[in-house]
Protein backbone atom coordinates (compact mmCIF):
# COMPACT_ATOMS: atom_id res chain seq x y z
CA UNK A 1 0.03 -0.03 0.00
CA UNK A 2 1.41 3.34 -1.10
CA UNK A 3 1.83 6.01 1.56
CA UNK A 4 0.77 9.46 0.35
CA UNK A 5 2.36 12.48 1.89
CA UNK A 6 0.00 14.85 3.73
CA UNK A 7 1.05 17.73 1.39
CA UNK A 8 -0.12 15.68 -1.59
CA UNK A 9 -3.43 15.14 0.21
CA UNK A 10 -3.77 18.81 0.85
CA UNK A 11 -3.02 19.49 -2.86
CA UNK A 12 -5.60 16.92 -3.92
CA UNK A 13 -8.18 18.58 -1.67
CA UNK A 14 -7.42 21.93 -3.28
CA UNK A 15 -7.56 20.44 -6.83
CA UNK A 16 -10.87 18.72 -6.14
CA UNK A 17 -12.31 21.93 -4.86
CA UNK A 18 -11.13 23.91 -7.88
CA UNK A 19 -12.46 21.25 -10.20
CA UNK A 20 -15.86 21.31 -8.44
CA UNK A 21 -16.10 25.09 -8.72
CA UNK A 22 -15.40 24.97 -12.46
CA UNK A 23 -17.82 22.10 -13.01
CA UNK A 24 -20.54 23.85 -10.98
CA UNK A 25 -20.10 27.11 -12.97
CA UNK A 26 -20.37 25.43 -16.32
CA UNK A 27 -23.09 22.96 -15.54
CA UNK A 28 -25.04 24.49 -12.61
CA UNK A 29 -28.14 22.43 -13.32
CA UNK A 30 -26.33 19.13 -13.68
CA UNK A 31 -24.18 18.70 -10.69
CA UNK A 32 -24.80 18.32 -6.92
CA UNK A 33 -23.09 16.73 -3.91
CA UNK A 34 -24.23 15.49 -0.57
CA UNK A 35 -21.11 16.62 1.28
CA UNK A 36 -17.72 18.37 0.38
CA UNK A 37 -15.94 15.09 0.26
CA UNK A 38 -18.83 12.80 -0.25
CA UNK A 39 -20.76 11.49 -3.25
CA UNK A 40 -20.97 13.73 -6.36
CA UNK A 41 -24.25 13.39 -8.27
CA UNK A 42 -24.15 14.19 -11.99
CA UNK A 43 -27.31 14.38 -14.05
CA UNK A 44 -25.85 14.66 -17.58
CA UNK A 45 -28.21 15.49 -20.51
CA UNK A 46 -27.34 13.81 -23.85
CA UNK A 47 -27.46 16.55 -26.45
CA UNK A 48 -25.83 15.69 -29.79
CA UNK A 49 -24.47 18.63 -31.90
CA UNK A 50 -26.96 17.75 -34.69
CA UNK A 51 -30.29 16.02 -34.64
CA UNK A 52 -29.88 12.23 -35.03
CA UNK A 53 -32.01 9.50 -36.55
CA UNK A 54 -32.83 6.94 -33.96
CA UNK A 55 -33.93 3.39 -34.88
CA UNK A 56 -35.18 1.29 -32.07
CA UNK A 57 -34.86 -2.38 -32.95
CA UNK A 58 -36.88 -5.02 -31.24
CA UNK A 59 -34.43 -7.52 -29.73
CA UNK A 60 -35.11 -11.14 -29.03
CA UNK A 61 -38.11 -11.37 -31.25
CA UNK A 62 -36.56 -13.37 -34.00
CA UNK A 63 -37.60 -10.85 -36.69
CA UNK A 64 -36.19 -7.44 -37.39
CA UNK A 65 -38.68 -4.61 -36.47
CA UNK A 66 -37.27 -1.05 -36.57
CA UNK A 67 -39.05 2.07 -35.41
CA UNK A 68 -37.65 5.45 -36.56
CA UNK A 69 -37.46 8.72 -34.60
CA UNK A 70 -35.66 11.97 -35.30
CA UNK A 71 -34.34 13.36 -31.88
CA UNK A 72 -32.23 16.31 -30.89
CA UNK A 73 -31.84 15.14 -27.32
CA UNK A 74 -31.89 11.82 -25.42
CA UNK A 75 -32.77 10.99 -21.82
CA UNK A 76 -30.11 12.02 -19.24
CA UNK A 77 -27.47 9.78 -17.68
CA UNK A 78 -27.31 9.80 -13.84
CA UNK A 79 -23.77 9.28 -12.47
CA UNK A 80 -22.78 9.06 -8.83
CA UNK A 81 -19.07 9.46 -8.21
CA UNK A 82 -16.91 9.18 -5.07
CA UNK A 83 -13.57 11.08 -5.18
CA UNK A 84 -10.93 9.27 -3.01
CA UNK A 85 -8.65 11.51 -0.78
CA UNK A 86 -5.78 10.94 -3.23
CA UNK A 87 -7.75 12.00 -6.32
CA UNK A 88 -6.67 13.32 -8.75
CA UNK A 89 -2.92 12.86 -8.17
CA UNK A 90 -2.75 9.19 -7.29
CA UNK A 91 -6.23 7.64 -7.39
CA UNK A 92 -9.12 7.40 -9.94
CA UNK A 93 -12.64 8.45 -9.17
CA UNK A 94 -14.90 5.67 -8.05
CA UNK A 95 -18.24 5.29 -9.87
CA UNK A 96 -20.83 4.07 -7.34
CA UNK A 97 -23.86 4.23 -9.59
CA UNK A 98 -24.61 4.58 -13.32
CA UNK A 99 -28.30 4.81 -14.26
CA UNK A 100 -30.08 5.79 -17.49
CA UNK A 101 -33.73 6.90 -17.68
CA UNK A 102 -35.77 4.47 -19.70
CA UNK A 103 -32.87 2.00 -19.91
CA UNK A 104 -32.17 3.13 -23.50
CA UNK A 105 -28.47 2.49 -23.29
CA UNK A 106 -27.39 -1.18 -23.70
CA UNK A 107 -24.03 -2.61 -22.53
CA UNK A 108 -23.52 -0.12 -19.67
CA UNK A 109 -20.53 -2.06 -18.50
CA UNK A 110 -18.57 -0.94 -21.67
CA UNK A 111 -19.33 2.70 -20.86
CA UNK A 112 -18.02 2.30 -17.28
CA UNK A 113 -14.81 0.66 -18.57
CA UNK A 114 -14.21 3.57 -20.99
CA UNK A 115 -14.78 6.12 -18.30
CA UNK A 116 -12.23 4.62 -16.01
CA UNK A 117 -9.73 4.15 -18.83
CA UNK A 118 -9.76 7.88 -19.59
CA UNK A 119 -8.27 8.83 -16.19
CA UNK A 120 -4.50 9.41 -15.92
CA UNK A 121 -2.62 10.19 -12.64
CA UNK A 122 -2.68 13.81 -11.84
CA UNK A 123 -5.56 14.54 -14.22
CA UNK A 124 -8.95 16.00 -13.24
CA UNK A 125 -11.28 13.93 -15.28
CA UNK A 126 -14.90 14.95 -14.35
CA UNK A 127 -15.32 17.63 -17.02
CA UNK A 128 -14.07 15.24 -19.69
CA UNK A 129 -16.56 12.61 -18.51
CA UNK A 130 -19.41 15.05 -18.63
CA UNK A 131 -18.62 16.34 -22.13
CA UNK A 132 -18.04 12.79 -23.41
CA UNK A 133 -21.53 11.77 -22.28
CA UNK A 134 -23.29 15.16 -23.07
CA UNK A 135 -22.10 15.25 -26.61
CA UNK A 136 -23.19 11.71 -27.24
CA UNK A 137 -19.63 10.67 -28.16
CA UNK A 138 -19.81 7.83 -25.72
CA UNK A 139 -22.29 6.02 -28.09
CA UNK A 140 -19.40 5.45 -30.45
CA UNK A 141 -17.65 3.23 -27.93
CA UNK A 142 -20.80 1.11 -27.93
CA UNK A 143 -20.71 0.89 -31.71
CA UNK A 144 -24.32 2.07 -31.87
CA UNK A 145 -23.76 5.41 -33.68
CA UNK A 146 -22.66 5.86 -37.30
CA UNK A 147 -23.08 9.06 -39.40
CA UNK A 148 -25.72 10.54 -37.05
CA UNK A 149 -27.71 7.27 -37.07
CA UNK A 150 -28.25 5.62 -33.71
CA UNK A 151 -29.53 2.07 -33.50
CA UNK A 152 -30.86 0.99 -30.03
CA UNK A 153 -31.71 -2.70 -29.51
CA UNK A 154 -34.50 -2.99 -26.89
CA UNK A 155 -36.71 -5.77 -25.72
CA UNK A 156 -39.75 -3.50 -25.26
CA UNK A 157 -39.74 -0.80 -28.00
CA UNK A 158 -43.49 -0.22 -27.41
CA UNK A 159 -42.45 1.31 -24.03
CA UNK A 160 -39.20 2.97 -25.04
CA UNK A 161 -40.60 4.83 -28.08
CA UNK A 162 -43.25 6.91 -26.23
CA UNK A 163 -40.66 7.61 -23.50
CA UNK A 164 -38.17 8.96 -25.99
CA UNK A 165 -40.83 11.00 -27.74
CA UNK A 166 -42.04 12.52 -24.47
CA UNK A 167 -38.53 13.40 -23.39
CA UNK A 168 -37.88 15.08 -26.75
CA UNK A 169 -41.03 17.16 -26.41
CA UNK A 170 -40.21 18.14 -22.87
CA UNK A 171 -36.62 19.07 -23.86
CA UNK A 172 -37.76 21.19 -26.75
CA UNK A 173 -40.33 22.92 -24.50
CA UNK A 174 -37.61 23.69 -21.92
CA UNK A 175 -35.30 25.18 -24.55
CA UNK A 176 -38.12 27.23 -26.01
CA UNK A 177 -39.04 28.66 -22.60
CA UNK A 178 -35.51 29.75 -21.95
CA UNK A 179 -35.30 31.99 -24.95
CA UNK A 180 -37.29 35.15 -26.01
CA UNK A 181 -39.55 35.29 -29.01
CA UNK A 182 -41.32 37.81 -31.18
CA UNK A 183 -45.09 37.39 -31.45
CA UNK A 184 -46.31 37.44 -35.08
CA UNK A 185 -49.41 39.47 -34.12
CA UNK A 186 -48.36 42.16 -31.68
CA UNK A 187 -44.60 42.01 -32.60
CA UNK A 188 -43.66 42.25 -28.92
CA UNK A 189 -40.73 40.23 -27.62
CA UNK A 190 -41.69 37.95 -24.77
CA UNK A 191 -40.25 35.06 -22.83
CA UNK A 192 -40.85 31.58 -24.19
CA UNK A 193 -43.09 30.74 -21.20
CA UNK A 194 -45.48 33.42 -22.36
CA UNK A 195 -45.48 32.23 -25.99
CA UNK A 196 -46.59 29.20 -27.86
CA UNK A 197 -45.07 27.64 -31.00
CA UNK A 198 -47.80 26.00 -33.00
CA UNK A 199 -47.38 22.77 -34.93
CA UNK A 200 -46.81 24.78 -38.12
CA UNK A 201 -43.78 26.55 -36.54
CA UNK A 202 -45.26 30.07 -36.09
CA UNK A 203 -44.89 31.65 -32.73
CA UNK A 204 -47.45 33.87 -30.95
CA UNK A 205 -47.79 35.18 -27.48
CA UNK A 206 -50.51 33.43 -25.45
CA UNK A 207 -52.34 36.70 -24.88
CA UNK A 208 -52.92 37.24 -28.59
CA UNK A 209 -53.91 33.57 -29.14
CA UNK A 210 -56.27 33.72 -26.16
CA UNK A 211 -58.01 36.96 -27.45
CA UNK A 212 -58.48 35.56 -30.91
CA UNK A 213 -59.36 31.97 -30.13
CA UNK A 214 -61.79 32.94 -27.40
CA UNK A 215 -63.58 35.29 -29.74
CA UNK A 216 -63.78 32.63 -32.51
CA UNK A 217 -65.12 30.06 -30.09
CA UNK A 218 -67.72 32.39 -28.70
CA UNK A 219 -68.85 33.27 -32.25
CA UNK A 220 -68.83 29.65 -33.39
CA UNK A 221 -66.11 30.23 -36.04
CA UNK A 222 -64.26 27.07 -35.11
CA UNK A 223 -62.39 26.84 -38.40
CA UNK A 224 -60.35 29.98 -37.38
CA UNK A 225 -59.15 28.44 -34.12
CA UNK A 226 -55.64 27.86 -35.42
CA UNK A 227 -52.56 29.64 -36.71
CA UNK A 228 -53.07 33.36 -37.14
CA UNK A 229 -50.58 33.85 -39.95
CA UNK A 230 -52.14 34.80 -43.37
CA UNK A 231 -50.87 31.81 -45.18
CA UNK A 232 -51.96 29.28 -42.61
CA UNK A 233 -55.41 30.95 -42.46
CA UNK A 234 -55.61 30.51 -46.19
CA UNK A 235 -54.55 26.88 -45.90
CA UNK A 236 -57.05 26.27 -43.05
CA UNK A 237 -54.45 25.28 -40.51
CA UNK A 238 -56.39 24.43 -37.36
CA UNK A 239 -54.98 24.07 -33.83
CA UNK A 240 -54.60 20.68 -32.01
CA UNK A 241 -56.48 19.86 -28.86
CA UNK A 242 -53.32 20.27 -26.78
CA UNK A 243 -52.64 23.68 -28.24
CA UNK A 244 -56.20 24.87 -27.50
CA UNK A 245 -56.08 23.46 -23.97
CA UNK A 246 -52.81 25.36 -23.28
CA UNK A 247 -54.48 28.74 -24.26
CA UNK A 248 -58.19 28.95 -23.41
CA UNK A 249 -60.36 27.92 -20.45
CA UNK A 250 -61.72 24.41 -19.96
CA UNK A 251 -65.28 25.60 -20.71
CA UNK A 252 -64.12 27.08 -23.94
CA UNK A 253 -62.34 23.84 -24.79
CA UNK A 254 -65.67 21.90 -24.31
CA UNK A 255 -67.46 24.35 -26.59
CA UNK A 256 -64.63 24.12 -29.20
CA UNK A 257 -64.92 20.35 -29.25
CA UNK A 258 -68.72 20.53 -29.54
CA UNK A 259 -68.39 22.97 -32.40
CA UNK A 260 -65.95 20.62 -34.24
CA UNK A 261 -68.27 17.75 -33.86
CA UNK A 262 -71.14 19.78 -35.13
CA UNK A 263 -69.10 20.96 -38.15
CA UNK A 264 -68.12 17.39 -38.87
CA UNK A 265 -71.78 16.27 -38.62
CA UNK A 266 -72.82 19.00 -41.05
CA UNK A 267 -70.31 17.74 -43.68
CA UNK A 268 -71.67 14.17 -43.44
CA UNK A 269 -75.28 13.90 -44.57
CA UNK A 270 -75.67 10.51 -42.89
CA UNK A 271 -75.09 12.10 -39.42
CA UNK A 272 -78.25 13.30 -37.61
CA UNK A 273 -78.30 15.47 -34.43
CA UNK A 274 -80.15 13.89 -31.46
CA UNK A 275 -83.61 15.51 -31.36
CA UNK A 276 -83.51 15.82 -27.58
CA UNK A 277 -83.10 19.55 -26.84
CA UNK A 278 -80.76 19.09 -23.99
CA UNK A 279 -78.57 16.65 -25.91
CA UNK A 280 -78.08 17.54 -29.65
CA UNK A 281 -75.22 14.95 -30.00
CA UNK A 282 -74.25 14.04 -33.49
CA UNK A 283 -75.45 10.44 -34.20
CA UNK A 284 -73.78 8.74 -37.18
CA UNK A 285 -75.38 6.06 -39.30
CA UNK A 286 -74.70 2.71 -37.61
CA UNK A 287 -72.17 0.49 -39.28
CA UNK A 288 -73.64 -2.11 -41.61
CA UNK A 289 -76.91 -0.16 -41.87
CA UNK A 290 -76.53 0.03 -45.66
CA UNK A 291 -77.51 -3.64 -45.95
CA UNK A 292 -80.96 -2.76 -44.54
CA UNK A 293 -81.72 -0.02 -47.04
CA UNK A 294 -85.32 -0.20 -48.14
CA UNK A 295 -86.46 -2.22 -45.16
CA UNK A 296 -87.04 0.77 -42.85
CA UNK A 297 -84.14 -0.08 -40.44
CA UNK A 298 -81.91 2.43 -42.11
CA UNK A 299 -83.91 5.14 -40.40
CA UNK A 300 -83.14 3.96 -36.87
CA UNK A 301 -80.65 5.99 -34.88
CA UNK A 302 -79.61 5.58 -31.26
CA UNK A 303 -77.77 8.37 -29.49
CA UNK A 304 -74.67 7.19 -27.71
CA UNK A 305 -74.98 10.08 -25.21
CA UNK A 306 -78.50 9.84 -23.99
CA UNK A 307 -79.49 6.38 -25.42
CA UNK A 308 -82.53 7.91 -27.08
CA UNK A 309 -83.66 5.81 -30.12
CA UNK A 310 -85.46 7.82 -32.80
CA UNK A 311 -86.35 7.84 -36.51
CA UNK A 312 -83.86 9.84 -38.64
CA UNK A 313 -86.69 10.85 -40.95
CA UNK A 314 -89.30 12.32 -38.59
CA UNK A 315 -86.96 12.86 -35.55
CA UNK A 316 -89.51 11.23 -33.31
CA UNK A 317 -89.34 8.15 -31.00
CA UNK A 318 -88.47 5.06 -32.95
CA UNK A 319 -91.67 3.58 -34.34
CA UNK A 320 -90.39 0.43 -36.03
CA UNK A 321 -89.38 -0.31 -39.57
CA UNK A 322 -92.81 -1.12 -40.78
CA UNK A 323 -94.85 1.80 -39.48
CA UNK A 324 -94.97 4.99 -41.54
CA UNK A 325 -93.45 8.19 -40.16
CA UNK A 326 -95.89 10.86 -39.09
CA UNK A 327 -94.50 12.97 -41.85
CA UNK A 328 -95.21 10.23 -44.41
CA UNK A 329 -98.68 9.83 -42.98
CA UNK A 330 -99.35 13.52 -43.23
CA UNK A 331 -98.09 13.57 -46.86
CA UNK A 332 -100.29 10.68 -47.82
CA UNK A 333 -103.26 12.34 -46.22
CA UNK A 334 -102.58 15.63 -48.04
CA UNK A 335 -102.24 13.94 -51.42
CA UNK A 336 -105.56 12.03 -50.79
CA UNK A 337 -107.23 15.26 -49.75
CA UNK A 338 -105.99 17.08 -52.85
CA UNK A 339 -107.34 14.37 -55.14
CA UNK A 340 -110.85 14.78 -53.83
CA UNK A 341 -113.29 17.40 -55.32
CA UNK A 342 -114.91 20.24 -53.47
CA UNK A 343 -118.03 19.22 -51.71
CA UNK A 344 -117.56 15.51 -52.27
CA UNK A 345 -118.56 13.17 -49.45
CA UNK A 346 -114.95 11.89 -49.06
CA UNK A 347 -113.58 15.41 -48.66
CA UNK A 348 -116.35 16.40 -46.22
CA UNK A 349 -115.59 13.29 -44.16
CA UNK A 350 -111.92 14.15 -44.04
CA UNK A 351 -112.69 17.81 -43.08
CA UNK A 352 -114.87 16.73 -40.26
CA UNK A 353 -112.36 14.20 -39.02
CA UNK A 354 -109.10 16.30 -39.28
CA UNK A 355 -110.47 19.83 -39.48
CA UNK A 356 -110.69 21.94 -42.64
CA UNK A 357 -108.13 24.52 -41.57
CA UNK A 358 -105.67 21.87 -40.56
CA UNK A 359 -105.96 20.19 -43.96
CA UNK A 360 -105.64 23.54 -45.73
CA UNK A 361 -102.51 24.32 -43.72
CA UNK A 362 -100.98 20.92 -44.60
CA UNK A 363 -101.80 21.44 -48.27
CA UNK A 364 -100.18 24.89 -48.32
CA UNK A 365 -96.99 23.48 -46.70
CA UNK A 366 -96.96 20.61 -49.12
CA UNK A 367 -97.27 22.93 -52.09
CA UNK A 368 -94.56 25.12 -50.73
CA UNK A 369 -92.21 22.20 -50.16
CA UNK A 370 -92.90 20.90 -53.63
CA UNK A 371 -92.23 24.29 -55.17
CA UNK A 372 -88.94 24.45 -53.25
CA UNK A 373 -87.93 21.04 -54.52
CA UNK A 374 -88.70 21.88 -58.05
CA UNK A 375 -86.75 25.15 -57.83
CA UNK A 376 -83.74 23.41 -56.31
CA UNK A 377 -83.83 20.69 -59.00
CA UNK A 378 -84.05 23.33 -61.75
CA UNK A 379 -81.85 26.23 -60.56
CA UNK A 380 -79.23 24.56 -58.34
CA UNK A 381 -76.73 21.75 -58.17
CA UNK A 382 -76.26 19.57 -55.09
CA UNK A 383 -72.70 19.07 -53.70
CA UNK A 384 -71.96 15.36 -54.25
CA UNK A 385 -70.47 14.98 -50.73
CA UNK A 386 -72.77 16.84 -48.37
CA UNK A 387 -75.73 17.41 -50.71
CA UNK A 388 -75.85 21.17 -49.99
CA UNK A 389 -77.51 22.97 -52.93
CA UNK A 390 -75.43 25.68 -54.71
CA UNK A 391 -76.85 28.28 -57.16
CA UNK A 392 -74.39 29.71 -59.71
CA UNK A 393 -75.04 33.23 -60.97
CA UNK A 394 -71.97 33.67 -63.05
CA UNK A 395 -68.45 32.33 -63.44
CA UNK A 396 -67.09 28.91 -64.38
CA UNK A 397 -68.47 25.48 -63.62
CA UNK A 398 -65.76 24.48 -61.21
CA UNK A 399 -67.33 24.71 -57.75
CA UNK A 400 -65.86 24.36 -54.23
CA UNK A 401 -68.46 23.59 -51.52
CA UNK A 402 -68.17 26.20 -48.79
CA UNK A 403 -69.36 23.62 -46.25
CA UNK A 404 -67.30 20.50 -46.96
CA UNK A 405 -64.67 21.99 -49.35
CA UNK A 406 -65.48 19.37 -51.96
CA UNK A 407 -64.65 20.36 -55.58
CA UNK A 408 -67.35 19.41 -58.12
CA UNK A 409 -68.68 20.21 -61.58
CA UNK A 410 -71.81 22.54 -61.59
CA UNK A 411 -72.97 21.02 -64.87
CA UNK A 412 -73.04 17.27 -64.08
CA UNK A 413 -72.43 17.19 -60.32
CA UNK A 414 -69.37 15.02 -60.53
CA UNK A 415 -66.67 15.13 -57.83
CA UNK A 416 -63.43 16.81 -59.12
CA UNK A 417 -59.87 16.12 -58.14
CA UNK A 418 -58.81 18.94 -55.74
CA UNK A 419 -55.20 18.91 -57.05
CA UNK A 420 -56.36 19.26 -60.68
CA UNK A 421 -60.04 20.14 -60.88
CA UNK A 422 -59.79 21.46 -64.48
CA UNK A 423 -58.86 18.01 -65.81
CA UNK A 424 -62.64 17.31 -65.99
CA UNK A 425 -63.16 20.12 -68.48
CA UNK A 426 -60.00 19.48 -70.54
CA UNK A 427 -60.27 15.74 -71.20
CA UNK A 428 -61.65 14.83 -74.64
CA UNK A 429 -64.53 12.38 -74.47
CA UNK A 430 -66.01 13.57 -71.22
CA UNK A 431 -69.38 15.19 -71.21
CA UNK A 432 -68.09 18.49 -69.89
CA UNK A 433 -65.12 18.73 -72.24
CA UNK A 434 -64.49 22.46 -73.16
CA UNK A 435 -67.47 23.44 -71.01
CA UNK A 436 -65.74 25.22 -68.14
CA UNK A 437 -67.71 28.27 -69.02
CA UNK A 438 -71.23 28.24 -70.47
CA UNK A 439 -74.00 30.86 -70.86
CA UNK A 440 -77.60 29.89 -70.36
CA UNK A 441 -79.92 32.66 -71.64
CA UNK A 442 -83.16 32.63 -69.69
CA UNK A 443 -86.04 34.67 -71.21
CA UNK A 444 -87.37 35.72 -67.88
CA UNK A 445 -84.02 37.41 -67.06
CA UNK A 446 -83.75 39.16 -70.50
CA UNK A 447 -86.47 41.78 -69.98
CA UNK A 448 -85.17 45.15 -71.20
CA UNK A 449 -81.88 43.69 -72.42
CA UNK A 450 -82.48 44.63 -76.01
CA UNK A 451 -83.32 48.20 -75.10
CA UNK A 452 -80.06 48.38 -72.99
CA UNK A 453 -78.00 47.25 -76.03
CA UNK A 454 -79.67 49.94 -78.19
CA UNK A 455 -78.80 52.65 -75.69
CA UNK A 456 -75.19 51.50 -75.63
């Protein structure tokens, strides 16, 4: 056993103290110690200089399954070190614990061997260790990293992948909060904790987002609850639920979700709102219902929120597939009444039974509905997706539904390819070839047109 002079021990104590001060000043958030000469605890973040592609390979499964992530940081390494009295002149540091969050580093023993091999007598090694781990250079000793590509074998990738993703998100958020950013609305520079970077990359202060989104939610303009930059507004870039929750109140979040569900139900003609006044939940067509078309069962809807079963046609309590809807019964009654002659025994019997004014009211409504249907068929074209009717006053026959954003042809009602809608009008052989524009002269709209031309 080598005897160490007390002067060397005093020098070692001074060198350790100086090394600790330097390390604490460079990495104030990463180092701590229980006592001046006790255990040193190092929490070392792994932050490669450039983002790396991480492939997590399922080990021990017999088949190769790789999952890809792009990460700019990895979970930290926890290192507990004991510095002997003779360190750094005559003794190496002693590693009492080496722990990795998520167990994402395999073959930890190789890392420990490499750390101890770095020390040379008389050399302070802690800063070198920290930098070696922080820069992710230690992964090269494990032969896991090559050209910014890291391959991690792991027995449970389904657990490791969300852990790595969550750490990346937390790390990015921490870095964002430490910096100052300029809001794209008010142009004021604020701390990152007072700002929010949306999924599209644009940054706004939370105050501006809160003012705008709260107003849009209150007015029901849910499509504008998203990025406030002009280009993203044009592209219809909506906010995610996490982004909305981080800005507005919980009550506004509930209204925002309800508005989105309502908007989605309006785009799908098969979705019907629950007729219960206190519910109004969108109720989709049950799966497999198409096989019952024509039998009456296709009209059955059951609200998943209040369990109310109703008819999608008359919006009343479900009356079975064989019974006519009250609306259908009333329509049959009106048609039968209209086919009778004034003063006939059949008409008089119906008037005594149902009331003459009631029948006249039903007839007037039936005539109005029929006139509306005739006008819609003659003067409009229905969107092939949501069946909303559109009337064109001028312009080309390429239409974009304002409700569901479906592109379609106004002449034939066909759906058009959103990326190239004019292909429908430029393909020889199609019925609408060279008919992007057409002029339909209607006599009832031409009154006075000849006189106007004469004046000109």
